[in-house]
Amino acid sequence: SMTATVTNQETSPKYELTNETRVVNGVTLHRIKALRDFDDVKAGQLGGFIEDESDLSHKGNCWVYDDAMVIKASVSENAKIRNNACVVNYARVYGNAVISDKAWVLSDKARVYDNAIINGNAKIGGYVYGNAVVSDNAVITEGALIHDNARVYENAQVSGLVFNDAHVYGKSRLAAWSKAYGNAHVFDKSIVYEGSNIYDNAKVSGSARVGPCANIHDNAHVSGKAQICQFTTIYGNAVLKENKKFSEDVCGVDQDINKAA
């Protein structure tokens, strides 16, 4: 009989819509109220706002807290939407993902899952998963993939791929079809154009421009106003910060010879 009770509890409604409403862009949202205890939620506890029951699953420990809103989207499994966060426009949040502060998940191409954390004023239009964290005023556009232990924060905008232990921050931009991975750091006002790869322990900073289709890896650091042209590879321990265009490959160990010549 104990098994039956557990099954009933999991299939019985977890919450109900209350009469407390809020109208957003012509859509009427209802504050939710828990009907039973689960995870850190107690029966009778008020949650955030949803349009209807398709926005929040009755299964799992998923919940919309505080004044968070879910509108024409899907929150399921153990995902948590907290504070003033919003999930809209057919986005899906599931797994153990947590969306908090004033973050928005706002595209039908957006998926946030696994142990991903989205906070600050971040805007998510792509996929964020694994143990990735997106914070501050970061923008992840449609088509972008942020995963593993990646971190995207401050005012960075990513349209490409960030994975492994890479960090993208400052006011940097990572274009579509470009990748930052390994222990790469892309920051300041740097721009990484389409099809470029920043990896190993490479750093791109300052007002550097990389690519399209350039590769920066090993321990190379491209900064200042350096421009790395198409199909060029910068590697080894190269440090490039001159205000010029680099169209030949540079390996750090022979850099001094190049300068001497």
Protein backbone atom coordinates (compact mmCIF):
# COMPACT_ATOMS: atom_id res chain seq x y z
CA SER A 1 0.00 0.00 0.00
CA MET A 2 2.94 2.32 0.65
CA THR A 3 3.95 2.15 -3.02
CA ALA A 4 0.42 3.08 -4.08
CA THR A 5 0.50 6.14 -1.82
CA VAL A 6 3.79 7.34 -3.31
CA THR A 7 2.49 6.81 -6.86
CA ASN A 8 -0.70 8.71 -6.09
CA GLN A 9 1.25 11.57 -4.60
CA GLU A 10 3.45 11.86 -7.68
CA THR A 11 0.51 11.84 -10.06
CA SER A 12 -1.78 14.01 -7.95
CA PRO A 13 -1.72 17.72 -8.81
CA LYS A 14 1.23 19.50 -7.24
CA TYR A 15 -0.25 22.98 -7.46
CA GLU A 16 -3.31 24.98 -8.44
CA LEU A 17 -3.82 28.36 -10.09
CA THR A 18 -5.05 31.00 -7.65
CA ASN A 19 -7.23 34.01 -8.44
CA GLU A 20 -4.29 36.37 -8.01
CA THR A 21 -3.50 37.50 -11.54
CA ARG A 22 -1.07 39.65 -13.44
CA VAL A 23 -1.46 40.72 -17.06
CA VAL A 24 1.73 40.71 -19.14
CA ASN A 25 1.55 41.76 -22.81
CA GLY A 26 -2.15 40.94 -22.85
CA VAL A 27 -1.66 37.50 -21.30
CA THR A 28 -3.29 36.79 -17.93
CA LEU A 29 -1.00 34.95 -15.53
CA HIS A 30 -2.08 33.30 -12.28
CA ARG A 31 -0.04 32.96 -9.12
CA ILE A 32 0.33 29.29 -8.20
CA LYS A 33 -0.19 27.60 -4.85
CA ALA A 34 1.35 24.28 -3.79
CA LEU A 35 -1.13 21.51 -2.92
CA ARG A 36 1.42 19.21 -1.27
CA ASP A 37 4.91 19.20 0.24
CA PHE A 38 7.81 18.47 -2.09
CA ASP A 39 11.50 19.37 -2.00
CA ASP A 40 11.73 22.81 -0.28
CA VAL A 41 8.08 23.67 -1.01
CA LYS A 42 5.31 23.26 1.57
CA ALA A 43 1.62 22.68 0.90
CA GLY A 44 -0.19 26.02 0.79
CA GLN A 45 2.94 27.93 -0.19
CA LEU A 46 2.46 30.51 -2.94
CA GLY A 47 4.73 30.46 -5.97
CA GLY A 48 5.26 32.65 -8.98
CA PHE A 49 3.07 33.21 -12.03
CA ILE A 50 2.16 30.96 -14.96
CA GLU A 51 -0.40 31.20 -17.73
CA ASP A 52 -1.69 27.63 -17.49
CA GLU A 53 -0.67 24.14 -16.41
CA SER A 54 1.28 23.45 -19.59
CA ASP A 55 3.91 25.88 -18.27
CA LEU A 56 4.83 23.86 -15.16
CA SER A 57 4.86 20.08 -14.77
CA HIS A 58 3.05 18.46 -11.83
CA LYS A 59 5.82 15.83 -11.78
CA GLY A 60 9.30 16.16 -10.30
CA ASN A 61 10.36 18.96 -7.94
CA CYS A 62 10.19 21.75 -10.48
CA TRP A 63 8.72 24.99 -9.17
CA VAL A 64 8.23 28.64 -10.00
CA TYR A 65 9.08 30.73 -6.92
CA ASP A 66 8.75 34.32 -5.76
CA ASP A 67 7.55 36.61 -8.58
CA ALA A 68 9.08 34.58 -11.39
CA MET A 69 6.98 34.11 -14.53
CA VAL A 70 6.56 31.31 -17.05
CA ILE A 71 4.56 32.20 -20.16
CA LYS A 72 3.98 29.78 -23.05
CA ALA A 73 7.05 27.77 -22.06
CA SER A 74 7.86 24.49 -20.32
CA VAL A 75 9.41 23.97 -16.88
CA SER A 76 9.75 20.33 -15.87
CA GLU A 77 11.72 17.70 -13.93
CA ASN A 78 13.56 19.46 -11.08
CA ALA A 79 14.09 22.88 -12.63
CA LYS A 80 13.63 25.96 -10.45
CA ILE A 81 12.65 29.43 -11.61
CA ARG A 82 13.30 31.99 -8.86
CA ASN A 83 13.18 35.69 -7.98
CA ASN A 84 12.05 37.75 -11.00
CA ALA A 85 13.25 35.37 -13.68
CA CYS A 86 11.13 34.79 -16.79
CA VAL A 87 10.82 31.80 -19.10
CA VAL A 88 8.82 32.58 -22.23
CA ASN A 89 8.19 31.90 -25.90
CA TYR A 90 8.29 28.08 -25.93
CA ALA A 91 11.66 27.85 -24.16
CA ARG A 92 12.26 24.66 -22.15
CA VAL A 93 13.92 24.43 -18.74
CA TYR A 94 14.39 21.00 -17.16
CA GLY A 95 16.89 18.73 -15.42
CA ASN A 96 18.23 20.47 -12.29
CA ALA A 97 18.55 23.87 -13.93
CA VAL A 98 18.08 27.02 -11.85
CA ILE A 99 17.05 30.35 -13.40
CA SER A 100 17.15 33.25 -10.94
CA ASP A 101 17.47 37.00 -10.36
CA LYS A 102 16.17 38.85 -13.46
CA ALA A 103 17.35 36.33 -16.02
CA TRP A 104 15.28 35.60 -19.12
CA VAL A 105 15.07 32.39 -21.12
CA LEU A 106 13.31 33.74 -24.14
CA SER A 107 13.47 31.76 -27.35
CA ASP A 108 11.81 28.68 -28.76
CA LYS A 109 15.40 27.59 -29.53
CA ALA A 110 16.38 27.91 -25.85
CA ARG A 111 17.01 24.85 -23.68
CA VAL A 112 18.45 25.04 -20.16
CA TYR A 113 19.02 21.71 -18.42
CA ASP A 114 21.38 19.43 -16.46
CA ASN A 115 22.91 21.54 -13.65
CA ALA A 116 23.01 24.79 -15.57
CA ILE A 117 22.67 28.05 -13.63
CA ILE A 118 21.39 31.28 -15.18
CA ASN A 119 21.33 34.42 -13.04
CA GLY A 120 21.83 38.18 -13.02
CA ASN A 121 20.25 39.82 -16.07
CA ALA A 122 21.36 37.10 -18.47
CA LYS A 123 19.35 36.52 -21.65
CA ILE A 124 19.27 32.98 -23.03
CA GLY A 125 18.27 32.12 -26.59
CA GLY A 126 20.42 29.01 -27.05
CA TYR A 127 21.37 25.84 -25.17
CA VAL A 128 22.97 25.95 -21.71
CA TYR A 129 23.65 22.61 -20.02
CA GLY A 130 26.18 20.51 -18.13
CA ASN A 131 27.52 22.58 -15.22
CA ALA A 132 27.59 25.82 -17.18
CA VAL A 133 26.88 29.18 -15.53
CA VAL A 134 25.67 32.29 -17.37
CA SER A 135 25.50 35.48 -15.32
CA ASP A 136 25.41 39.28 -15.20
CA ASN A 137 24.39 40.87 -18.52
CA ALA A 138 25.57 38.02 -20.71
CA VAL A 139 23.59 37.23 -23.86
CA ILE A 140 23.48 33.73 -25.34
CA THR A 141 21.90 33.88 -28.78
CA GLU A 142 19.93 31.24 -30.68
CA GLY A 143 22.23 28.51 -31.96
CA ALA A 144 24.83 28.96 -29.21
CA LEU A 145 25.87 25.98 -27.05
CA ILE A 146 27.27 26.59 -23.55
CA HIS A 147 28.14 23.47 -21.59
CA ASP A 148 30.61 21.50 -19.43
CA ASN A 149 32.05 23.96 -16.86
CA ALA A 150 31.83 26.97 -19.14
CA ARG A 151 31.27 30.43 -17.66
CA VAL A 152 29.84 33.37 -19.59
CA TYR A 153 29.44 36.59 -17.62
CA GLU A 154 29.73 40.38 -17.40
CA ASN A 155 28.62 41.82 -20.79
CA ALA A 156 29.74 39.01 -23.06
CA GLN A 157 27.68 37.97 -26.05
CA VAL A 158 28.03 34.43 -27.36
CA SER A 159 26.62 33.03 -30.60
CA GLY A 160 29.10 30.14 -30.82
CA LEU A 161 30.23 27.30 -28.57
CA VAL A 162 31.80 27.58 -25.11
CA PHE A 163 32.69 24.35 -23.34
CA ASN A 164 35.24 22.50 -21.17
CA ASP A 165 36.51 25.14 -18.68
CA ALA A 166 36.44 28.16 -20.99
CA HIS A 167 35.40 31.62 -19.78
CA VAL A 168 33.95 34.40 -21.94
CA TYR A 169 33.46 37.77 -20.20
CA GLY A 170 34.09 41.51 -20.29
CA LYS A 171 32.44 43.01 -23.38
CA SER A 172 33.72 40.28 -25.65
CA ARG A 173 31.85 38.73 -28.58
CA LEU A 174 32.07 35.14 -29.78
CA ALA A 175 30.44 34.81 -33.20
CA ALA A 176 28.43 31.90 -34.57
CA TRP A 177 30.44 28.80 -35.52
CA SER A 178 33.33 29.92 -33.31
CA LYS A 179 34.51 27.98 -30.26
CA ALA A 180 36.17 28.75 -26.93
CA TYR A 181 37.17 25.57 -25.10
CA GLY A 182 39.87 23.96 -23.01
CA ASN A 183 40.93 26.67 -20.54
CA ALA A 184 40.50 29.51 -23.01
CA HIS A 185 39.64 33.01 -21.79
CA VAL A 186 38.03 35.55 -24.12
CA PHE A 187 37.49 38.94 -22.49
CA ASP A 188 37.76 42.76 -22.56
CA LYS A 189 36.43 44.12 -25.89
CA SER A 190 37.79 41.33 -28.03
CA ILE A 191 35.83 39.85 -30.93
CA VAL A 192 36.20 36.29 -32.17
CA TYR A 193 34.72 36.00 -35.65
CA GLU A 194 32.99 33.06 -37.32
CA GLY A 195 34.73 29.71 -37.53
CA SER A 196 37.59 30.57 -35.17
CA ASN A 197 38.87 28.35 -32.34
CA ILE A 198 40.34 29.57 -29.06
CA TYR A 199 41.56 26.66 -26.94
CA ASP A 200 44.19 25.14 -24.62
CA ASN A 201 45.32 28.02 -22.34
CA ALA A 202 44.93 30.72 -24.97
CA LYS A 203 43.71 34.20 -24.11
CA VAL A 204 42.10 36.79 -26.35
CA SER A 205 41.71 40.22 -24.74
CA GLY A 206 42.00 43.96 -25.21
CA SER A 207 40.43 45.05 -28.50
CA ALA A 208 41.84 42.09 -30.40
CA ARG A 209 40.05 40.80 -33.49
CA VAL A 210 40.39 37.12 -34.36
CA GLY A 211 39.39 35.51 -37.64
CA PRO A 212 37.16 34.51 -39.25
CA CYS A 213 38.53 30.97 -39.28
CA ALA A 214 41.66 31.65 -37.18
CA ASN A 215 43.07 29.45 -34.42
CA ILE A 216 44.62 30.60 -31.14
CA HIS A 217 45.91 27.85 -28.89
CA ASP A 218 48.66 26.54 -26.58
CA ASN A 219 49.59 29.47 -24.29
CA ALA A 220 49.19 32.18 -26.91
CA HIS A 221 47.82 35.57 -25.83
CA VAL A 222 46.38 37.95 -28.39
CA SER A 223 45.57 41.41 -27.02
CA GLY A 224 45.84 45.14 -27.65
CA LYS A 225 44.58 45.95 -31.14
CA ALA A 226 46.08 42.90 -32.80
CA GLN A 227 44.10 41.53 -35.74
CA ILE A 228 44.53 37.87 -36.56
CA CYS A 229 43.58 37.32 -40.18
CA GLN A 230 41.62 34.50 -41.76
CA PHE A 231 43.17 31.00 -41.67
CA THR A 232 46.03 32.14 -39.39
CA THR A 233 47.19 30.10 -36.37
CA ILE A 234 48.82 31.68 -33.30
CA TYR A 235 50.27 29.14 -30.90
CA GLY A 236 53.13 28.19 -28.59
CA ASN A 237 53.86 31.01 -26.15
CA ALA A 238 53.17 33.76 -28.67
CA VAL A 239 52.18 37.14 -27.25
CA LEU A 240 50.74 39.47 -29.87
CA LYS A 241 49.58 42.94 -28.94
CA GLU A 242 50.84 45.22 -31.71
CA ASN A 243 48.25 47.27 -33.59
CA LYS A 244 48.65 45.38 -36.87
CA LYS A 245 47.27 42.56 -38.97
CA PHE A 246 48.87 39.16 -38.56
CA SER A 247 48.34 36.98 -41.63
CA GLU A 248 51.23 34.53 -41.08
CA ASP A 249 51.21 31.80 -38.45
CA VAL A 250 53.10 32.70 -35.27
CA CYS A 251 54.55 30.20 -32.81
CA GLY A 252 55.80 31.75 -29.57
CA VAL A 253 59.24 30.14 -29.62
CA ASP A 254 60.29 31.83 -32.88
CA GLN A 255 58.65 35.15 -32.20
CA ASP A 256 61.92 36.90 -31.24
CA ILE A 257 63.55 35.77 -34.50
CA ASN A 258 60.67 37.36 -36.41
CA LYS A 259 61.13 40.63 -34.53
CA ALA A 260 64.92 40.61 -35.02
CA ALA A 261 64.44 40.12 -38.75
